[in-house]
N, C-alpha and C. Protein backbone atom coordinates (compact mmCIF):
# COMPACT_ATOMS: atom_id res chain seq x y z
N UNK A 1 25.40 -21.01 40.51
CA UNK A 1 24.74 -21.23 38.91
C UNK A 1 23.31 -21.40 39.48
N UNK A 2 22.27 -20.61 38.50
CA UNK A 2 21.07 -20.08 38.45
C UNK A 2 20.18 -21.72 37.96
N UNK A 3 19.21 -21.95 38.52
CA UNK A 3 18.38 -22.70 38.09
C UNK A 3 16.98 -22.90 38.10
N UNK A 4 16.59 -22.71 36.90
CA UNK A 4 14.82 -22.41 36.81
C UNK A 4 14.36 -23.23 38.01
N UNK A 5 13.27 -22.42 38.94
CA UNK A 5 12.56 -23.28 39.91
C UNK A 5 11.64 -24.20 39.33
N UNK A 6 10.74 -24.98 39.62
CA UNK A 6 9.63 -25.77 39.29
C UNK A 6 8.72 -25.68 40.28
N UNK A 7 7.49 -25.70 40.11
CA UNK A 7 6.61 -25.86 41.28
C UNK A 7 6.03 -27.36 40.51
N UNK A 8 5.80 -28.29 41.37
CA UNK A 8 4.92 -29.36 40.84
C UNK A 8 4.14 -29.62 41.90
N UNK A 9 2.42 -29.89 41.30
CA UNK A 9 1.72 -30.25 42.11
C UNK A 9 1.24 -31.60 41.53
N UNK A 10 1.01 -32.52 42.25
CA UNK A 10 0.40 -33.80 41.70
C UNK A 10 1.84 -34.25 40.65
N UNK A 11 1.04 -34.66 39.27
CA UNK A 11 1.65 -34.66 38.27
C UNK A 11 1.91 -34.17 37.25
N UNK A 12 1.08 -32.71 37.30
CA UNK A 12 1.96 -31.70 36.49
C UNK A 12 3.14 -30.75 36.89
N UNK A 13 4.13 -30.64 35.85
CA UNK A 13 4.79 -29.26 36.20
C UNK A 13 4.81 -28.40 35.62
N UNK A 14 4.80 -27.08 36.12
CA UNK A 14 4.62 -25.90 35.70
C UNK A 14 5.83 -24.80 35.99
N UNK A 15 6.20 -24.31 34.89
CA UNK A 15 7.38 -23.36 34.66
C UNK A 15 7.01 -22.14 34.87
N UNK A 16 7.55 -20.99 35.92
CA UNK A 16 7.06 -19.25 36.17
C UNK A 16 7.85 -18.97 34.69
N UNK A 17 7.21 -17.57 34.14
CA UNK A 17 8.03 -17.04 32.99
C UNK A 17 7.32 -17.06 31.97
N UNK A 18 7.80 -16.66 30.88
CA UNK A 18 7.74 -16.41 29.42
C UNK A 18 8.39 -17.19 28.28
N UNK A 19 7.93 -17.82 27.52
CA UNK A 19 8.57 -18.84 26.69
C UNK A 19 9.23 -17.95 25.49
N UNK A 20 10.33 -18.31 24.51
CA UNK A 20 10.64 -17.68 23.57
C UNK A 20 10.15 -17.04 22.50
N UNK A 21 9.08 -18.04 22.61
CA UNK A 21 7.99 -17.69 21.06
C UNK A 21 6.88 -16.92 21.80
N UNK A 22 6.78 -16.68 23.06
CA UNK A 22 5.81 -15.37 23.29
C UNK A 22 6.52 -13.86 23.46
N UNK A 23 8.08 -14.18 23.82
CA UNK A 23 8.58 -13.00 23.94
C UNK A 23 8.87 -12.17 22.44
N UNK A 24 9.36 -13.22 21.34
CA UNK A 24 9.60 -13.12 20.02
C UNK A 24 8.36 -12.39 19.42
N UNK A 25 6.97 -12.83 20.03
CA UNK A 25 5.56 -12.42 19.44
C UNK A 25 5.68 -10.89 19.93
N UNK A 26 5.85 -10.74 20.93
CA UNK A 26 5.60 -9.48 21.51
C UNK A 26 6.80 -8.74 20.52
N UNK A 27 8.16 -9.04 20.33
CA UNK A 27 8.87 -8.01 19.78
C UNK A 27 8.73 -7.57 18.44
N UNK A 28 7.95 -8.60 17.89
CA UNK A 28 7.32 -8.48 16.71
C UNK A 28 6.34 -7.29 16.16
N UNK A 29 5.62 -7.64 17.21
CA UNK A 29 3.95 -6.74 17.08
C UNK A 29 5.01 -5.08 17.44
N UNK A 30 5.70 -4.91 18.41
CA UNK A 30 6.35 -3.97 18.55
C UNK A 30 6.87 -3.21 17.59
N UNK A 31 7.72 -4.07 16.59
CA UNK A 31 8.47 -3.68 15.51
C UNK A 31 7.12 -3.12 14.36
N UNK A 32 6.48 -4.24 14.37
CA UNK A 32 5.53 -3.89 13.57
C UNK A 32 4.55 -2.26 13.62
N UNK A 33 4.37 -2.24 14.95
CA UNK A 33 3.82 -0.63 15.74
C UNK A 33 4.86 0.19 15.20
N UNK A 34 6.42 0.15 15.32
CA UNK A 34 7.05 1.07 15.16
C UNK A 34 6.99 1.46 14.05
N UNK A 35 7.16 0.50 12.83
CA UNK A 35 7.11 0.80 11.64
C UNK A 35 6.02 1.48 11.04
N UNK A 36 4.84 1.39 11.30
CA UNK A 36 3.51 2.09 10.99
C UNK A 36 3.63 3.41 11.24
N UNK A 37 3.86 3.48 12.77
CA UNK A 37 4.18 4.95 13.25
C UNK A 37 5.36 5.81 12.73
N UNK A 38 6.28 5.62 12.10
CA UNK A 38 7.14 5.70 10.89
C UNK A 38 6.92 6.29 10.09
N UNK A 39 6.19 5.17 9.30
CA UNK A 39 5.65 5.45 7.73
C UNK A 39 4.85 6.47 7.77
N UNK A 40 3.88 6.51 8.76
CA UNK A 40 2.63 7.55 8.94
C UNK A 40 3.22 8.66 9.52
N UNK A 41 4.22 9.05 10.07
CA UNK A 41 4.61 10.23 10.50
C UNK A 41 5.67 10.79 9.65
N UNK A 42 6.35 10.28 8.31
CA UNK A 42 7.49 10.47 7.45
C UNK A 42 7.04 12.03 6.93
N UNK A 43 5.33 12.03 6.23
CA UNK A 43 5.35 13.11 5.69
C UNK A 43 5.30 14.62 6.67
N UNK A 44 5.65 14.26 7.90
CA UNK A 44 5.04 15.51 8.72
C UNK A 44 6.93 16.13 8.42
N UNK A 45 7.94 15.03 8.42
CA UNK A 45 9.11 15.44 8.36
C UNK A 45 9.57 16.20 6.92
N UNK A 46 9.01 15.58 6.17
CA UNK A 46 8.73 16.39 4.70
C UNK A 46 8.33 17.85 4.88
N UNK A 47 7.29 17.61 5.19
CA UNK A 47 6.49 19.05 5.50
C UNK A 47 7.58 20.21 6.24
N UNK A 48 7.78 19.75 7.12
CA UNK A 48 8.44 20.69 8.38
C UNK A 48 9.82 21.30 7.55
N UNK A 49 10.51 20.16 6.94
CA UNK A 49 11.59 20.78 5.68
C UNK A 49 11.24 21.62 4.94
N UNK A 50 10.16 21.47 4.19
CA UNK A 50 9.64 22.60 3.22
C UNK A 50 9.38 23.66 4.05
N UNK A 51 8.47 23.60 5.02
CA UNK A 51 8.20 25.32 5.89
C UNK A 51 9.59 25.70 6.24
N UNK A 52 10.61 25.00 6.55
CA UNK A 52 11.77 25.66 6.96
C UNK A 52 12.74 26.00 5.76
N UNK A 53 12.50 25.53 4.80
CA UNK A 53 13.05 25.98 3.22
C UNK A 53 12.41 27.63 3.08
N UNK A 54 10.82 27.28 3.30
CA UNK A 54 10.53 28.90 3.09
C UNK A 54 10.55 30.00 4.01
N UNK A 55 10.89 29.90 5.00
CA UNK A 55 11.10 30.76 6.55
C UNK A 55 12.48 31.07 6.04
N UNK A 56 13.57 29.96 5.67
CA UNK A 56 14.70 30.72 5.12
C UNK A 56 14.80 31.45 3.86
N UNK A 57 14.10 31.26 3.00
CA UNK A 57 14.03 32.10 1.83
C UNK A 57 13.01 33.88 2.38
N UNK A 58 11.98 33.43 3.03
CA UNK A 58 11.36 34.73 3.79
C UNK A 58 12.65 35.43 4.24
N UNK A 59 13.39 35.16 5.20
CA UNK A 59 14.20 35.69 5.72
C UNK A 59 15.31 36.35 5.10
N UNK A 60 15.49 35.58 4.16
CA UNK A 60 16.81 36.27 2.99
C UNK A 60 15.84 37.38 2.03
N UNK A 61 14.85 37.09 1.79
CA UNK A 61 14.02 38.36 0.74
C UNK A 61 14.31 39.58 1.96
N UNK A 62 13.80 39.48 3.25
CA UNK A 62 13.90 41.00 4.21
C UNK A 62 14.92 41.16 4.51
N UNK A 63 16.11 40.13 3.95
CA UNK A 63 17.53 40.65 4.19
C UNK A 63 18.02 41.44 3.12
N UNK A 64 17.22 40.85 2.07
CA UNK A 64 17.99 41.55 0.60
C UNK A 64 17.24 42.82 0.26
N UNK A 65 16.26 43.12 0.95
CA UNK A 65 15.69 44.26 1.04
C UNK A 65 16.10 45.46 1.79
N UNK A 66 16.57 44.83 2.63
CA UNK A 66 17.32 45.84 3.73
C UNK A 66 18.92 46.13 3.37
N UNK A 67 19.48 45.07 2.49
CA UNK A 67 20.75 45.50 1.96
C UNK A 67 20.44 46.54 0.47
N UNK A 68 19.22 46.19 -0.16
CA UNK A 68 18.88 47.27 -0.96
C UNK A 68 18.52 48.71 -0.39
N UNK A 69 18.20 48.84 0.40
CA UNK A 69 17.91 49.93 1.26
C UNK A 69 19.05 50.53 1.43
N UNK A 70 19.81 50.49 2.41
CA UNK A 70 21.23 50.48 2.40
C UNK A 70 22.19 50.93 1.11
N UNK A 71 22.41 50.04 0.37
CA UNK A 71 22.85 49.91 -0.77
C UNK A 71 22.46 50.60 -2.11
N UNK A 72 21.10 50.77 -2.17
CA UNK A 72 20.35 51.18 -3.33
C UNK A 72 20.51 50.39 -4.60
N UNK A 73 20.88 48.62 -3.92
CA UNK A 73 20.94 47.69 -5.13
C UNK A 73 21.07 46.44 -4.44
N UNK A 74 20.49 45.38 -5.27
CA UNK A 74 20.84 43.97 -5.07
C UNK A 74 21.97 43.67 -4.77
N UNK A 75 22.52 42.64 -4.12
CA UNK A 75 23.81 42.11 -4.20
C UNK A 75 24.16 41.34 -5.23
N UNK A 76 25.15 41.32 -6.22
CA UNK A 76 25.45 40.95 -7.41
C UNK A 76 25.40 39.12 -7.08
N UNK A 77 25.66 38.11 -8.69
CA UNK A 77 25.83 37.04 -8.81
C UNK A 77 27.08 37.11 -7.71
N UNK A 78 28.28 37.82 -7.85
CA UNK A 78 29.75 37.24 -7.52
C UNK A 78 29.43 37.62 -5.78
N UNK A 79 28.67 38.36 -5.23
CA UNK A 79 28.52 38.27 -3.94
C UNK A 79 27.59 37.51 -3.36
N UNK A 80 26.47 37.33 -4.14
CA UNK A 80 25.81 36.56 -3.46
C UNK A 80 25.07 36.73 -2.30
N UNK A 81 24.59 35.46 -1.37
CA UNK A 81 23.93 35.66 0.04
C UNK A 81 25.03 36.16 0.95
N UNK A 82 26.43 35.64 0.57
CA UNK A 82 27.24 36.02 1.55
C UNK A 82 27.24 37.45 1.96
N UNK A 83 26.81 38.45 1.00
CA UNK A 83 27.14 39.47 1.35
C UNK A 83 25.85 40.08 2.19
N UNK A 84 24.83 39.53 2.60
CA UNK A 84 24.01 39.77 3.61
C UNK A 84 24.50 39.35 5.35
N UNK A 85 25.90 38.73 5.35
CA UNK A 85 26.03 38.32 6.63
C UNK A 85 27.49 39.46 6.71
N UNK A 86 27.54 39.34 8.11
CA UNK A 86 26.89 39.05 9.69
C UNK A 86 25.74 40.24 9.66
N UNK A 87 25.76 41.56 8.99
CA UNK A 87 24.89 42.75 9.06
C UNK A 87 23.32 41.99 8.69
N UNK A 88 22.90 41.94 8.18
CA UNK A 88 21.61 41.61 8.24
C UNK A 88 20.88 40.05 7.90
N UNK A 89 21.98 39.00 8.29
CA UNK A 89 21.56 37.73 8.56
C UNK A 89 22.95 37.16 9.44
N UNK A 90 22.69 36.06 10.44
CA UNK A 90 23.82 35.90 11.28
C UNK A 90 24.61 34.78 10.61
N UNK A 91 23.91 33.96 9.53
CA UNK A 91 25.10 33.35 8.74
C UNK A 91 23.78 32.38 7.90
N UNK A 92 24.54 32.35 6.58
CA UNK A 92 23.88 31.83 5.52
C UNK A 92 24.37 30.37 5.96
N UNK A 93 23.25 29.29 6.27
CA UNK A 93 23.32 28.05 6.10
C UNK A 93 22.45 27.24 4.72
N UNK A 94 23.26 25.83 4.55
CA UNK A 94 22.56 25.44 3.55
C UNK A 94 20.89 24.98 3.95
N UNK A 95 20.20 24.41 2.82
CA UNK A 95 18.86 24.41 2.62
C UNK A 95 18.89 23.02 3.75
N UNK A 96 17.32 22.67 4.17
CA UNK A 96 17.06 21.35 5.24
C UNK A 96 17.26 20.09 4.31
N UNK A 97 17.98 20.10 3.18
CA UNK A 97 18.49 19.11 2.36
C UNK A 97 19.66 18.60 1.94
N UNK A 98 20.72 19.86 2.84
CA UNK A 98 21.75 19.72 2.85
C UNK A 98 22.52 20.54 1.28
N UNK A 99 21.74 20.81 0.67
CA UNK A 99 22.05 21.79 -0.25
C UNK A 99 22.37 23.40 -0.22
N UNK A 100 22.81 24.05 -0.99
CA UNK A 100 23.22 25.89 -1.11
C UNK A 100 22.12 26.14 -1.31
N UNK A 101 21.61 27.03 -0.92
CA UNK A 101 20.19 28.39 -1.87
C UNK A 101 21.44 28.96 -2.84
N UNK A 102 20.50 28.99 -4.14
CA UNK A 102 20.92 29.44 -5.33
C UNK A 102 20.15 31.09 -5.14
N UNK A 103 21.30 32.07 -5.39
CA UNK A 103 20.89 33.41 -5.67
C UNK A 103 21.22 33.98 -6.83
N UNK A 104 20.28 34.09 -7.64
CA UNK A 104 20.40 34.82 -8.96
C UNK A 104 19.89 36.31 -9.41
N UNK A 105 20.87 37.01 -9.63
CA UNK A 105 20.80 38.50 -9.81
C UNK A 105 20.75 38.73 -11.06
N UNK A 106 20.23 39.76 -12.55
CA UNK A 106 18.69 39.26 -12.14
C UNK A 106 17.89 38.09 -12.31
N UNK A 107 16.62 37.74 -11.52
CA UNK A 107 15.95 36.81 -11.71
C UNK A 107 15.25 36.65 -12.98
N UNK A 108 14.31 35.63 -12.59
CA UNK A 108 13.48 34.93 -13.65
C UNK A 108 12.61 36.14 -13.68
N UNK A 109 11.90 36.44 -12.64
CA UNK A 109 10.50 36.88 -12.61
C UNK A 109 10.76 38.21 -11.80
N UNK A 110 12.05 38.58 -11.42
CA UNK A 110 12.17 39.99 -10.60
C UNK A 110 13.88 40.43 -10.72
N UNK A 111 13.92 41.41 -9.96
CA UNK A 111 15.19 41.81 -9.83
C UNK A 111 16.59 40.75 -9.63
N UNK A 112 15.77 39.64 -8.59
CA UNK A 112 16.60 38.81 -8.17
C UNK A 112 15.93 37.57 -7.78
N UNK A 113 16.51 36.11 -7.61
CA UNK A 113 15.59 35.04 -7.11
C UNK A 113 16.31 34.58 -6.15
N UNK A 114 15.85 33.62 -5.05
CA UNK A 114 16.84 32.88 -4.27
C UNK A 114 16.19 31.53 -4.93
N UNK A 115 16.68 30.35 -4.93
CA UNK A 115 16.03 29.10 -5.13
C UNK A 115 16.69 28.15 -4.04
N UNK A 116 15.86 27.16 -3.65
CA UNK A 116 16.06 25.93 -2.92
C UNK A 116 15.90 24.54 -4.08
N UNK A 117 16.48 23.97 -4.11
CA UNK A 117 16.50 23.04 -4.76
C UNK A 117 15.49 21.55 -4.41
N UNK A 118 15.41 21.83 -3.36
CA UNK A 118 14.39 20.82 -2.46
C UNK A 118 15.23 19.64 -2.56
N UNK A 119 14.45 18.11 -2.23
CA UNK A 119 15.42 16.99 -2.29
C UNK A 119 15.60 16.48 -3.35
N UNK A 120 15.70 16.64 -4.60
CA UNK A 120 16.42 16.02 -5.38
C UNK A 120 17.75 16.88 -5.50
N UNK A 121 17.66 18.01 -4.83
CA UNK A 121 19.09 18.68 -5.32
C UNK A 121 19.55 19.45 -6.86
N UNK A 122 18.64 19.38 -7.39
CA UNK A 122 18.49 19.99 -8.71
C UNK A 122 17.48 20.44 -9.11
N UNK A 123 17.20 21.52 -10.61
CA UNK A 123 15.97 22.65 -10.81
C UNK A 123 15.03 21.17 -11.40
N UNK A 124 14.24 21.16 -11.10
CA UNK A 124 12.87 20.52 -11.04
C UNK A 124 11.36 20.86 -10.68
N UNK A 125 10.52 20.14 -10.47
CA UNK A 125 9.19 20.43 -9.91
C UNK A 125 9.13 20.54 -8.42
N UNK A 126 9.92 20.08 -7.61
CA UNK A 126 10.46 20.22 -6.06
C UNK A 126 10.98 21.33 -5.72
N UNK A 127 11.37 21.94 -6.59
CA UNK A 127 12.27 23.63 -5.99
C UNK A 127 10.99 24.43 -5.24
N UNK A 128 11.82 25.34 -4.61
CA UNK A 128 10.95 26.31 -3.65
C UNK A 128 11.72 27.16 -4.09
N UNK A 129 10.88 28.35 -4.76
CA UNK A 129 11.53 29.76 -5.09
C UNK A 129 11.15 31.01 -4.04
N UNK A 130 11.83 32.12 -4.29
CA UNK A 130 11.37 33.25 -3.76
C UNK A 130 9.93 33.53 -4.58
N UNK A 131 10.06 33.64 -5.73
CA UNK A 131 9.01 33.78 -6.34
C UNK A 131 7.83 33.00 -5.98
N UNK A 132 7.94 31.81 -5.29
CA UNK A 132 6.77 31.32 -4.81
C UNK A 132 6.01 31.95 -3.38
N UNK A 133 7.13 32.77 -2.66
CA UNK A 133 6.62 32.71 -1.51
C UNK A 133 5.32 33.18 -1.48
N UNK A 134 4.13 33.39 -0.64
CA UNK A 134 3.03 33.69 -0.28
C UNK A 134 2.87 34.80 0.55
N UNK A 135 2.48 36.12 0.37
CA UNK A 135 2.51 37.31 1.56
C UNK A 135 1.15 36.86 2.10
N UNK A 136 0.05 36.11 1.40
CA UNK A 136 -1.63 36.17 1.84
C UNK A 136 -2.03 35.14 1.96
N UNK A 137 -2.53 34.96 2.99
CA UNK A 137 -3.26 32.75 2.92
C UNK A 137 -3.68 33.08 1.42
N UNK A 138 -4.53 33.64 1.04
CA UNK A 138 -5.19 33.92 -0.21
C UNK A 138 -4.40 33.27 -1.54
N UNK A 139 -3.18 33.29 -1.47
CA UNK A 139 -1.90 32.91 -2.25
C UNK A 139 -1.53 33.85 -3.36
N UNK A 140 -1.67 34.73 -3.22
CA UNK A 140 -1.40 35.95 -3.75
C UNK A 140 0.35 35.86 -3.84
N UNK A 141 1.09 35.25 -5.17
CA UNK A 141 2.62 35.51 -4.92
C UNK A 141 3.53 36.90 -4.29
N UNK A 142 4.30 36.92 -3.63
CA UNK A 142 5.30 38.00 -3.08
C UNK A 142 5.95 38.56 -4.67
N UNK A 143 6.00 39.48 -4.70
CA UNK A 143 7.12 40.27 -5.48
C UNK A 143 8.42 40.56 -4.93
N UNK A 144 9.69 40.22 -5.86
CA UNK A 144 11.21 40.37 -5.51
C UNK A 144 11.58 41.81 -5.64
N UNK A 145 10.58 42.64 -5.00
CA UNK A 145 11.01 44.43 -5.34
C UNK A 145 10.80 45.01 -3.73
N UNK A 146 11.79 45.84 -3.11
CA UNK A 146 11.37 46.19 -2.14
C UNK A 146 10.45 47.18 -1.82
């Protein structure tokens, strides 16, 4: 059986170690710091997901351009992005929020469009479209023509 050792000097007794309250204070402080770090870095995850979605859309645009060069036409809505595998892209995966990319031919502003519905999973302001991709830092929108 383990017994706590105490040192006695004269009339005063002193125990070595930390009290429960001291340990709890340290745990609470560490928890607060971890929460603050999590909240301050959350926007980095959102930005990383948006960057990945834009990268995926750019990859799909390049693959569709190659499909057009080989076939003289764009994939139909029935074929969709699945027609790009495995020749033009290795695989078609969901967007960073777990939703499938939406392919429309013809598109609203060109011969086709690819839409990522974003975190909401439905059409709205948080969509990322192939029409939104920038081809230059100046913000010139890329067109959907090869």
